[in-house]
Structure formats: C-alpha cells, structure tokens
All heavy atoms as atom14 arrays in JSON, in Angstrom:
{
  "sequence": "IWVMSKFDELSINKPIPDDMIDYCPNLQNEEGPEKFNQNIQLRPFE",
  "atom14_mask": [
    [1, 1, 1, 1, 1, 1, 1, 1, 0, 0, 0, 0, 0, 0],
    [1, 1, 1, 1, 1, 1, 1, 1, 1, 1, 1, 1, 1, 1],
    [1, 1, 1, 1, 1, 1, 1, 0, 0, 0, 0, 0, 0, 0],
    [1, 1, 1, 1, 1, 1, 1, 1, 0, 0, 0, 0, 0, 0],
    [1, 1, 1, 1, 1, 1, 0, 0, 0, 0, 0, 0, 0, 0],
    [1, 1, 1, 1, 1, 1, 1, 1, 1, 0, 0, 0, 0, 0],
    [1, 1, 1, 1, 1, 1, 1, 1, 1, 1, 1, 0, 0, 0],
    [1, 1, 1, 1, 1, 1, 1, 1, 0, 0, 0, 0, 0, 0],
    [1, 1, 1, 1, 1, 1, 1, 1, 1, 0, 0, 0, 0, 0],
    [1, 1, 1, 1, 1, 1, 1, 1, 0, 0, 0, 0, 0, 0],
    [1, 1, 1, 1, 1, 1, 0, 0, 0, 0, 0, 0, 0, 0],
    [1, 1, 1, 1, 1, 1, 1, 1, 0, 0, 0, 0, 0, 0],
    [1, 1, 1, 1, 1, 1, 1, 1, 0, 0, 0, 0, 0, 0],
    [1, 1, 1, 1, 1, 1, 1, 1, 1, 0, 0, 0, 0, 0],
    [1, 1, 1, 1, 1, 1, 1, 0, 0, 0, 0, 0, 0, 0],
    [1, 1, 1, 1, 1, 1, 1, 1, 0, 0, 0, 0, 0, 0],
    [1, 1, 1, 1, 1, 1, 1, 0, 0, 0, 0, 0, 0, 0],
    [1, 1, 1, 1, 1, 1, 1, 1, 0, 0, 0, 0, 0, 0],
    [1, 1, 1, 1, 1, 1, 1, 1, 0, 0, 0, 0, 0, 0],
    [1, 1, 1, 1, 1, 1, 1, 1, 0, 0, 0, 0, 0, 0],
    [1, 1, 1, 1, 1, 1, 1, 1, 0, 0, 0, 0, 0, 0],
    [1, 1, 1, 1, 1, 1, 1, 1, 0, 0, 0, 0, 0, 0],
    [1, 1, 1, 1, 1, 1, 1, 1, 1, 1, 1, 1, 0, 0],
    [1, 1, 1, 1, 1, 1, 0, 0, 0, 0, 0, 0, 0, 0],
    [1, 1, 1, 1, 1, 1, 1, 0, 0, 0, 0, 0, 0, 0],
    [1, 1, 1, 1, 1, 1, 1, 1, 0, 0, 0, 0, 0, 0],
    [1, 1, 1, 1, 1, 1, 1, 1, 0, 0, 0, 0, 0, 0],
    [1, 1, 1, 1, 1, 1, 1, 1, 1, 0, 0, 0, 0, 0],
    [1, 1, 1, 1, 1, 1, 1, 1, 0, 0, 0, 0, 0, 0],
    [1, 1, 1, 1, 1, 1, 1, 1, 1, 0, 0, 0, 0, 0],
    [1, 1, 1, 1, 1, 1, 1, 1, 1, 0, 0, 0, 0, 0],
    [1, 1, 1, 1, 0, 0, 0, 0, 0, 0, 0, 0, 0, 0],
    [1, 1, 1, 1, 1, 1, 1, 0, 0, 0, 0, 0, 0, 0],
    [1, 1, 1, 1, 1, 1, 1, 1, 1, 0, 0, 0, 0, 0],
    [1, 1, 1, 1, 1, 1, 1, 1, 1, 0, 0, 0, 0, 0],
    [1, 1, 1, 1, 1, 1, 1, 1, 1, 1, 1, 0, 0, 0],
    [1, 1, 1, 1, 1, 1, 1, 1, 0, 0, 0, 0, 0, 0],
    [1, 1, 1, 1, 1, 1, 1, 1, 1, 0, 0, 0, 0, 0],
    [1, 1, 1, 1, 1, 1, 1, 1, 0, 0, 0, 0, 0, 0],
    [1, 1, 1, 1, 1, 1, 1, 1, 0, 0, 0, 0, 0, 0],
    [1, 1, 1, 1, 1, 1, 1, 1, 1, 0, 0, 0, 0, 0],
    [1, 1, 1, 1, 1, 1, 1, 1, 0, 0, 0, 0, 0, 0],
    [1, 1, 1, 1, 1, 1, 1, 1, 1, 1, 1, 0, 0, 0],
    [1, 1, 1, 1, 1, 1, 1, 0, 0, 0, 0, 0, 0, 0],
    [1, 1, 1, 1, 1, 1, 1, 1, 1, 1, 1, 0, 0, 0],
    [1, 1, 1, 1, 1, 1, 1, 1, 1, 0, 0, 0, 0, 0]
  ],
  "atom14_positions": [
    [[3.45, 0.46, 2.93], [2.17, 0.84, 2.34], [1.27, 1.48, 3.41], [0.53, 2.43, 3.15], [1.49, -0.36, 1.67], [2.35, -0.86, 0.5], [0.09, -0.02, 1.17], [1.87, -2.16, -0.12], [0.0, 0.0, 0.0], [0.0, 0.0, 0.0], [0.0, 0.0, 0.0], [0.0, 0.0, 0.0], [0.0, 0.0, 0.0], [0.0, 0.0, 0.0]],
    [[1.37, 0.97, 4.64], [0.64, 1.59, 5.76], [1.15, 3.0, 6.01], [0.35, 3.93, 6.21], [0.78, 0.73, 7.02], [0.12, 1.35, 8.22], [-1.21, 1.27, 8.55], [0.73, 2.15, 9.22], [-1.45, 1.98, 9.7], [-0.28, 2.53, 10.14], [2.04, 2.58, 9.45], [-0.01, 3.32, 11.26], [2.31, 3.37, 10.56], [1.3, 3.74, 11.45]],
    [[2.47, 3.17, 6.01], [3.06, 4.5, 6.22], [2.54, 5.47, 5.16], [2.33, 6.66, 5.45], [4.6, 4.43, 6.2], [5.22, 5.83, 6.19], [5.11, 3.65, 7.41], [0.0, 0.0, 0.0], [0.0, 0.0, 0.0], [0.0, 0.0, 0.0], [0.0, 0.0, 0.0], [0.0, 0.0, 0.0], [0.0, 0.0, 0.0], [0.0, 0.0, 0.0]],
    [[2.3, 4.99, 3.96], [1.8, 5.84, 2.87], [0.29, 6.05, 2.95], [-0.32, 6.61, 2.05], [2.19, 5.24, 1.52], [3.68, 5.24, 1.25], [4.14, 4.79, -0.46], [3.79, 3.03, -0.47], [0.0, 0.0, 0.0], [0.0, 0.0, 0.0], [0.0, 0.0, 0.0], [0.0, 0.0, 0.0], [0.0, 0.0, 0.0], [0.0, 0.0, 0.0]],
    [[-0.34, 5.57, 4.05], [-1.77, 5.78, 4.32], [-2.69, 5.12, 3.31], [-3.8, 5.59, 3.04], [-2.1, 7.29, 4.39], [-1.35, 7.94, 5.38], [0.0, 0.0, 0.0], [0.0, 0.0, 0.0], [0.0, 0.0, 0.0], [0.0, 0.0, 0.0], [0.0, 0.0, 0.0], [0.0, 0.0, 0.0], [0.0, 0.0, 0.0], [0.0, 0.0, 0.0]],
    [[-2.26, 3.98, 2.78], [-3.09, 3.27, 1.81], [-4.15, 2.39, 2.48], [-5.11, 1.95, 1.84], [-2.22, 2.42, 0.89], [-1.26, 3.22, 0.0], [-2.01, 4.04, -1.03], [-1.04, 4.67, -2.02], [-1.76, 5.42, -3.08], [0.0, 0.0, 0.0], [0.0, 0.0, 0.0], [0.0, 0.0, 0.0], [0.0, 0.0, 0.0], [0.0, 0.0, 0.0]],
    [[-3.98, 2.08, 3.77], [-4.98, 1.34, 4.54], [-4.84, 1.75, 6.0], [-3.9, 2.47, 6.37], [-4.82, -0.17, 4.36], [-3.52, -0.73, 4.88], [-3.44, -1.25, 6.16], [-2.38, -0.73, 4.09], [-2.24, -1.77, 6.64], [-1.18, -1.24, 4.57], [-1.12, -1.76, 5.85], [0.0, 0.0, 0.0], [0.0, 0.0, 0.0], [0.0, 0.0, 0.0]],
    [[-5.76, 1.32, 6.84], [-5.87, 1.9, 8.17], [-5.13, 1.16, 9.28], [-4.5, 1.79, 10.13], [-7.35, 2.03, 8.56], [-8.08, 3.04, 7.7], [-7.43, 4.0, 7.24], [-9.3, 2.86, 7.48], [0.0, 0.0, 0.0], [0.0, 0.0, 0.0], [0.0, 0.0, 0.0], [0.0, 0.0, 0.0], [0.0, 0.0, 0.0], [0.0, 0.0, 0.0]],
    [[-5.21, -0.16, 9.33], [-4.71, -0.89, 10.49], [-3.53, -1.8, 10.14], [-3.58, -2.53, 9.15], [-5.83, -1.74, 11.11], [-6.97, -0.92, 11.69], [-7.98, -1.79, 12.4], [-7.68, -2.99, 12.65], [-9.08, -1.29, 12.7], [0.0, 0.0, 0.0], [0.0, 0.0, 0.0], [0.0, 0.0, 0.0], [0.0, 0.0, 0.0], [0.0, 0.0, 0.0]],
    [[-2.49, -1.72, 10.97], [-1.31, -2.59, 10.83], [-1.2, -3.44, 12.1], [-0.27, -3.31, 12.88], [-0.06, -1.75, 10.61], [1.22, -2.5, 10.22], [1.07, -3.16, 8.85], [2.42, -1.55, 10.2], [0.0, 0.0, 0.0], [0.0, 0.0, 0.0], [0.0, 0.0, 0.0], [0.0, 0.0, 0.0], [0.0, 0.0, 0.0], [0.0, 0.0, 0.0]],
    [[-2.2, -4.27, 12.3], [-2.29, -5.06, 13.53], [-1.18, -6.09, 13.6], [-0.88, -6.76, 12.6], [-3.65, -5.76, 13.61], [-4.7, -4.82, 13.53], [0.0, 0.0, 0.0], [0.0, 0.0, 0.0], [0.0, 0.0, 0.0], [0.0, 0.0, 0.0], [0.0, 0.0, 0.0], [0.0, 0.0, 0.0], [0.0, 0.0, 0.0], [0.0, 0.0, 0.0]],
    [[-0.6, -6.24, 14.79], [0.54, -7.14, 14.94], [0.15, -8.6, 14.81], [1.0, -9.46, 14.55], [1.28, -6.93, 16.28], [0.34, -7.16, 17.46], [1.93, -5.57, 16.34], [1.01, -7.06, 18.82], [0.0, 0.0, 0.0], [0.0, 0.0, 0.0], [0.0, 0.0, 0.0], [0.0, 0.0, 0.0], [0.0, 0.0, 0.0], [0.0, 0.0, 0.0]],
    [[-1.14, -8.9, 14.97], [-1.58, -10.31, 14.91], [-2.41, -10.61, 13.68], [-3.08, -11.64, 13.61], [-2.38, -10.64, 16.17], [-3.67, -9.83, 16.28], [-3.73, -8.69, 15.82], [-4.68, -10.41, 16.91], [0.0, 0.0, 0.0], [0.0, 0.0, 0.0], [0.0, 0.0, 0.0], [0.0, 0.0, 0.0], [0.0, 0.0, 0.0], [0.0, 0.0, 0.0]],
    [[-2.35, -9.72, 12.67], [-3.12, -9.95, 11.45], [-2.18, -10.17, 10.27], [-1.27, -9.38, 10.04], [-4.03, -8.77, 11.16], [-5.09, -8.5, 12.23], [-6.17, -9.56, 12.2], [-7.21, -9.31, 13.29], [-7.93, -8.05, 13.1], [0.0, 0.0, 0.0], [0.0, 0.0, 0.0], [0.0, 0.0, 0.0], [0.0, 0.0, 0.0], [0.0, 0.0, 0.0]],
    [[-2.4, -11.24, 9.5], [-1.56, -11.49, 8.32], [-1.87, -10.5, 7.21], [-2.88, -9.77, 7.26], [-1.94, -12.91, 7.92], [-3.36, -13.06, 8.38], [-3.45, -12.27, 9.67], [0.0, 0.0, 0.0], [0.0, 0.0, 0.0], [0.0, 0.0, 0.0], [0.0, 0.0, 0.0], [0.0, 0.0, 0.0], [0.0, 0.0, 0.0], [0.0, 0.0, 0.0]],
    [[-1.02, -10.47, 6.21], [-1.28, -9.64, 5.03], [-2.57, -10.13, 4.37], [-2.78, -11.33, 4.2], [-0.11, -9.76, 4.05], [1.13, -9.07, 4.62], [-0.47, -9.14, 2.7], [2.38, -9.32, 3.82], [0.0, 0.0, 0.0], [0.0, 0.0, 0.0], [0.0, 0.0, 0.0], [0.0, 0.0, 0.0], [0.0, 0.0, 0.0], [0.0, 0.0, 0.0]],
    [[-3.45, -9.22, 3.97], [-4.7, -9.65, 3.33], [-4.48, -10.11, 1.91], [-3.48, -9.77, 1.26], [-5.55, -8.36, 3.36], [-4.55, -7.25, 3.33], [-3.37, -7.74, 4.12], [0.0, 0.0, 0.0], [0.0, 0.0, 0.0], [0.0, 0.0, 0.0], [0.0, 0.0, 0.0], [0.0, 0.0, 0.0], [0.0, 0.0, 0.0], [0.0, 0.0, 0.0]],
    [[-5.43, -10.87, 1.41], [-5.33, -11.39, 0.05], [-5.31, -10.29, -1.01], [-4.79, -10.49, -2.11], [-6.49, -12.35, -0.24], [-6.41, -13.63, 0.59], [-5.29, -13.97, 1.04], [-7.45, -14.27, 0.79], [0.0, 0.0, 0.0], [0.0, 0.0, 0.0], [0.0, 0.0, 0.0], [0.0, 0.0, 0.0], [0.0, 0.0, 0.0], [0.0, 0.0, 0.0]],
    [[-5.88, -9.13, -0.67], [-5.95, -8.06, -1.66], [-4.74, -7.13, -1.64], [-4.77, -6.07, -2.27], [-7.23, -7.24, -1.5], [-7.29, -6.45, -0.19], [-6.41, -6.66, 0.67], [-8.22, -5.63, -0.04], [0.0, 0.0, 0.0], [0.0, 0.0, 0.0], [0.0, 0.0, 0.0], [0.0, 0.0, 0.0], [0.0, 0.0, 0.0], [0.0, 0.0, 0.0]],
    [[-3.67, -7.53, -0.97], [-2.46, -6.7, -0.98], [-2.02, -6.4, -2.4], [-1.54, -5.31, -2.71], [-1.32, -7.38, -0.22], [-0.01, -6.58, -0.24], [1.35, -7.42, 0.63], [2.71, -6.29, 0.29], [0.0, 0.0, 0.0], [0.0, 0.0, 0.0], [0.0, 0.0, 0.0], [0.0, 0.0, 0.0], [0.0, 0.0, 0.0], [0.0, 0.0, 0.0]],
    [[-2.18, -7.37, -3.28], [-1.74, -7.2, -4.67], [-2.4, -6.0, -5.33], [-1.83, -5.37, -6.23], [-1.99, -8.5, -5.47], [-1.31, -8.44, -6.83], [-3.48, -8.76, -5.61], [-1.36, -9.76, -7.58], [0.0, 0.0, 0.0], [0.0, 0.0, 0.0], [0.0, 0.0, 0.0], [0.0, 0.0, 0.0], [0.0, 0.0, 0.0], [0.0, 0.0, 0.0]],
    [[-3.61, -5.66, -4.89], [-4.34, -4.54, -5.49], [-3.71, -3.19, -5.14], [-3.97, -2.19, -5.82], [-5.8, -4.55, -5.05], [-6.54, -5.79, -5.53], [-6.15, -6.35, -6.57], [-7.49, -6.21, -4.84], [0.0, 0.0, 0.0], [0.0, 0.0, 0.0], [0.0, 0.0, 0.0], [0.0, 0.0, 0.0], [0.0, 0.0, 0.0], [0.0, 0.0, 0.0]],
    [[-2.93, -3.15, -4.08], [-2.27, -1.92, -3.65], [-0.97, -1.66, -4.41], [-0.42, -0.56, -4.34], [-1.95, -1.97, -2.16], [-3.13, -1.99, -1.23], [-3.77, -3.18, -0.9], [-3.6, -0.81, -0.65], [-4.86, -3.19, -0.03], [-4.67, -0.82, 0.23], [-5.29, -2.01, 0.54], [-6.36, -2.03, 1.4], [0.0, 0.0, 0.0], [0.0, 0.0, 0.0]],
    [[-0.47, -2.68, -5.1], [0.88, -2.64, -5.65], [0.9, -2.67, -7.17], [0.03, -3.3, -7.8], [1.68, -3.85, -5.13], [1.75, -3.99, -3.34], [0.0, 0.0, 0.0], [0.0, 0.0, 0.0], [0.0, 0.0, 0.0], [0.0, 0.0, 0.0], [0.0, 0.0, 0.0], [0.0, 0.0, 0.0], [0.0, 0.0, 0.0], [0.0, 0.0, 0.0]],
    [[1.9, -2.03, -7.78], [2.06, -2.14, -9.23], [2.25, -3.6, -9.64], [3.01, -4.33, -9.03], [3.33, -1.32, -9.51], [3.45, -0.38, -8.35], [2.91, -1.13, -7.17], [0.0, 0.0, 0.0], [0.0, 0.0, 0.0], [0.0, 0.0, 0.0], [0.0, 0.0, 0.0], [0.0, 0.0, 0.0], [0.0, 0.0, 0.0], [0.0, 0.0, 0.0]],
    [[1.54, -4.0, -10.68], [1.63, -5.36, -11.2], [2.61, -5.37, -12.36], [2.3, -4.87, -13.44], [0.25, -5.86, -11.64], [0.24, -7.32, -12.03], [1.16, -7.8, -12.69], [-0.8, -8.03, -11.63], [0.0, 0.0, 0.0], [0.0, 0.0, 0.0], [0.0, 0.0, 0.0], [0.0, 0.0, 0.0], [0.0, 0.0, 0.0], [0.0, 0.0, 0.0]],
    [[3.79, -5.94, -12.15], [4.82, -5.91, -13.18], [4.45, -6.77, -14.37], [4.8, -6.45, -15.51], [6.17, -6.36, -12.61], [7.01, -5.26, -11.94], [6.31, -4.7, -10.7], [8.39, -5.79, -11.56], [0.0, 0.0, 0.0], [0.0, 0.0, 0.0], [0.0, 0.0, 0.0], [0.0, 0.0, 0.0], [0.0, 0.0, 0.0], [0.0, 0.0, 0.0]],
    [[3.71, -7.85, -14.14], [3.3, -8.71, -15.25], [2.38, -7.98, -16.21], [2.37, -8.25, -17.41], [2.61, -9.97, -14.72], [3.57, -11.0, -14.14], [2.87, -12.28, -13.77], [1.83, -12.27, -13.1], [3.41, -13.4, -14.2], [0.0, 0.0, 0.0], [0.0, 0.0, 0.0], [0.0, 0.0, 0.0], [0.0, 0.0, 0.0], [0.0, 0.0, 0.0]],
    [[1.61, -7.03, -15.66], [0.72, -6.22, -16.48], [1.37, -4.92, -16.93], [0.7, -4.03, -17.46], [-0.57, -5.91, -15.72], [-1.41, -7.14, -15.46], [-1.25, -8.16, -16.13], [-2.3, -7.06, -14.49], [0.0, 0.0, 0.0], [0.0, 0.0, 0.0], [0.0, 0.0, 0.0], [0.0, 0.0, 0.0], [0.0, 0.0, 0.0], [0.0, 0.0, 0.0]],
    [[2.69, -4.84, -16.69], [3.49, -3.68, -17.09], [2.99, -2.37, -16.48], [3.02, -1.31, -17.1], [3.55, -3.57, -18.62], [4.19, -4.8, -19.28], [4.31, -4.66, -20.78], [3.81, -3.67, -21.34], [4.94, -5.55, -21.4], [0.0, 0.0, 0.0], [0.0, 0.0, 0.0], [0.0, 0.0, 0.0], [0.0, 0.0, 0.0], [0.0, 0.0, 0.0]],
    [[2.5, -2.47, -15.21], [2.07, -1.26, -14.52], [3.27, -0.46, -14.04], [4.25, -1.04, -13.54], [1.15, -1.61, -13.35], [-0.18, -2.19, -13.78], [-1.11, -2.49, -12.61], [-0.67, -2.34, -11.46], [-2.25, -2.89, -12.88], [0.0, 0.0, 0.0], [0.0, 0.0, 0.0], [0.0, 0.0, 0.0], [0.0, 0.0, 0.0], [0.0, 0.0, 0.0]],
    [[3.19, 0.84, -14.14], [4.24, 1.72, -13.66], [4.11, 1.98, -12.17], [3.42, 1.26, -11.46], [0.0, 0.0, 0.0], [0.0, 0.0, 0.0], [0.0, 0.0, 0.0], [0.0, 0.0, 0.0], [0.0, 0.0, 0.0], [0.0, 0.0, 0.0], [0.0, 0.0, 0.0], [0.0, 0.0, 0.0], [0.0, 0.0, 0.0], [0.0, 0.0, 0.0]],
    [[4.72, 3.05, -11.69], [4.76, 3.32, -10.25], [3.54, 4.06, -9.7], [3.52, 4.41, -8.52], [6.01, 4.2, -10.12], [6.05, 4.95, -11.42], [5.57, 3.98, -12.46], [0.0, 0.0, 0.0], [0.0, 0.0, 0.0], [0.0, 0.0, 0.0], [0.0, 0.0, 0.0], [0.0, 0.0, 0.0], [0.0, 0.0, 0.0], [0.0, 0.0, 0.0]],
    [[2.51, 4.27, -10.53], [1.42, 5.17, -10.14], [0.72, 4.78, -8.84], [0.3, 5.65, -8.07], [0.4, 5.26, -11.28], [0.88, 5.99, -12.52], [1.81, 5.15, -13.37], [1.82, 3.9, -13.21], [2.53, 5.74, -14.2], [0.0, 0.0, 0.0], [0.0, 0.0, 0.0], [0.0, 0.0, 0.0], [0.0, 0.0, 0.0], [0.0, 0.0, 0.0]],
    [[0.56, 3.49, -8.57], [-0.15, 3.08, -7.35], [0.58, 3.53, -6.09], [-0.04, 3.67, -5.03], [-0.35, 1.56, -7.33], [-1.42, 1.07, -8.28], [-1.61, -0.43, -8.17], [-2.72, -0.91, -9.09], [-2.89, -2.38, -9.06], [0.0, 0.0, 0.0], [0.0, 0.0, 0.0], [0.0, 0.0, 0.0], [0.0, 0.0, 0.0], [0.0, 0.0, 0.0]],
    [[1.87, 3.75, -6.2], [2.64, 4.19, -5.05], [2.92, 5.7, -5.05], [3.04, 6.3, -3.99], [3.98, 3.45, -4.98], [3.87, 2.02, -4.5], [4.94, 1.15, -4.66], [2.72, 1.54, -3.88], [4.87, -0.17, -4.22], [2.64, 0.24, -3.45], [3.72, -0.63, -3.62], [0.0, 0.0, 0.0], [0.0, 0.0, 0.0], [0.0, 0.0, 0.0]],
    [[3.05, 6.3, -6.21], [3.46, 7.71, -6.19], [2.34, 8.7, -6.44], [2.57, 9.9, -6.52], [4.61, 7.95, -7.18], [4.23, 7.76, -8.63], [3.05, 7.7, -8.98], [5.24, 7.64, -9.49], [0.0, 0.0, 0.0], [0.0, 0.0, 0.0], [0.0, 0.0, 0.0], [0.0, 0.0, 0.0], [0.0, 0.0, 0.0], [0.0, 0.0, 0.0]],
    [[1.1, 8.21, -6.53], [-0.03, 9.11, -6.66], [-0.97, 8.97, -5.47], [-1.19, 7.87, -4.96], [-0.8, 8.83, -7.96], [-0.01, 9.17, -9.22], [-0.81, 8.93, -10.5], [-1.98, 8.53, -10.45], [-0.19, 9.19, -11.63], [0.0, 0.0, 0.0], [0.0, 0.0, 0.0], [0.0, 0.0, 0.0], [0.0, 0.0, 0.0], [0.0, 0.0, 0.0]],
    [[-1.5, 10.09, -5.03], [-2.5, 10.12, -3.94], [-2.0, 9.45, -2.66], [-2.71, 8.68, -2.02], [-3.8, 9.44, -4.4], [-4.4, 10.1, -5.62], [-4.45, 11.32, -5.71], [-4.84, 9.29, -6.58], [0.0, 0.0, 0.0], [0.0, 0.0, 0.0], [0.0, 0.0, 0.0], [0.0, 0.0, 0.0], [0.0, 0.0, 0.0], [0.0, 0.0, 0.0]],
    [[-0.75, 9.76, -2.3], [-0.25, 9.23, -1.02], [-0.14, 10.38, -0.02], [0.03, 11.55, -0.39], [1.11, 8.53, -1.15], [2.26, 9.54, -1.27], [1.13, 7.55, -2.28], [3.56, 9.01, -0.77], [0.0, 0.0, 0.0], [0.0, 0.0, 0.0], [0.0, 0.0, 0.0], [0.0, 0.0, 0.0], [0.0, 0.0, 0.0], [0.0, 0.0, 0.0]],
    [[-0.27, 10.03, 1.23], [-0.12, 10.99, 2.32], [0.64, 10.29, 3.43], [0.1, 9.4, 4.08], [-1.48, 11.45, 2.82], [-1.43, 12.46, 3.96], [-0.86, 13.8, 3.54], [-1.26, 14.35, 2.51], [0.07, 14.33, 4.31], [0.0, 0.0, 0.0], [0.0, 0.0, 0.0], [0.0, 0.0, 0.0], [0.0, 0.0, 0.0], [0.0, 0.0, 0.0]],
    [[1.9, 10.66, 3.62], [2.67, 10.01, 4.68], [2.05, 10.29, 6.04], [1.63, 11.41, 6.33], [4.12, 10.51, 4.69], [5.06, 10.07, 3.57], [6.49, 10.4, 3.96], [4.94, 8.59, 3.25], [0.0, 0.0, 0.0], [0.0, 0.0, 0.0], [0.0, 0.0, 0.0], [0.0, 0.0, 0.0], [0.0, 0.0, 0.0], [0.0, 0.0, 0.0]],
    [[1.99, 9.26, 6.84], [1.51, 9.44, 8.2], [2.5, 10.31, 8.99], [3.7, 10.3, 8.7], [1.34, 8.08, 8.89], [0.24, 7.23, 8.24], [0.1, 5.88, 8.91], [-0.84, 5.04, 8.19], [-2.16, 5.06, 8.36], [-2.69, 5.88, 9.27], [-2.94, 4.27, 7.66], [0.0, 0.0, 0.0], [0.0, 0.0, 0.0], [0.0, 0.0, 0.0]],
    [[2.02, 11.04, 9.99], [2.91, 11.89, 10.79], [3.96, 11.05, 11.53], [3.73, 9.88, 11.84], [1.97, 12.57, 11.78], [0.6, 12.44, 11.19], [0.61, 11.17, 10.4], [0.0, 0.0, 0.0], [0.0, 0.0, 0.0], [0.0, 0.0, 0.0], [0.0, 0.0, 0.0], [0.0, 0.0, 0.0], [0.0, 0.0, 0.0], [0.0, 0.0, 0.0]],
    [[5.07, 11.68, 11.83], [6.16, 11.0, 12.53], [5.66, 10.31, 13.78], [6.01, 9.14, 14.04], [7.27, 12.01, 12.89], [8.41, 11.4, 13.64], [9.51, 10.89, 12.97], [8.39, 11.33, 15.03], [10.57, 10.31, 13.67], [9.45, 10.76, 15.74], [10.54, 10.26, 15.05], [0.0, 0.0, 0.0], [0.0, 0.0, 0.0], [0.0, 0.0, 0.0]],
    [[4.88, 10.99, 14.6], [4.46, 10.42, 15.88], [3.64, 9.14, 15.67], [3.79, 8.18, 16.43], [3.64, 11.43, 16.68], [3.23, 10.89, 18.05], [2.62, 11.94, 18.97], [2.65, 13.14, 18.62], [2.14, 11.56, 20.05], [0.0, 0.0, 0.0], [0.0, 0.0, 0.0], [0.0, 0.0, 0.0], [0.0, 0.0, 0.0], [0.0, 0.0, 0.0]]
  ]
}
C-alpha cells in the first residue's frame, strides 16, 4: 500500500495503524477492488 503511494511513511519501528482497514476493500461489505486500482501512483524504483 505504501508502494502504491496511499500513505507517506513506512517507518521500521511503527506498527500498522488502526485505520489500515480504511485503505483496503472490505469484503464483508462486498467492496470491489476500487480502493486499490483507482488513483494510485507507484513510487519510483529508487
């Protein structure tokens, strides 16, 4: 999700935040792939 530029910092000493679920399709709510395949910008290789 970081590679897809959905948030800014991937700190090595920080746990996943409680709002991670908001970044992801919710299968229980029958959400499709839109949260991942819309408005993404892959970070550069470097």
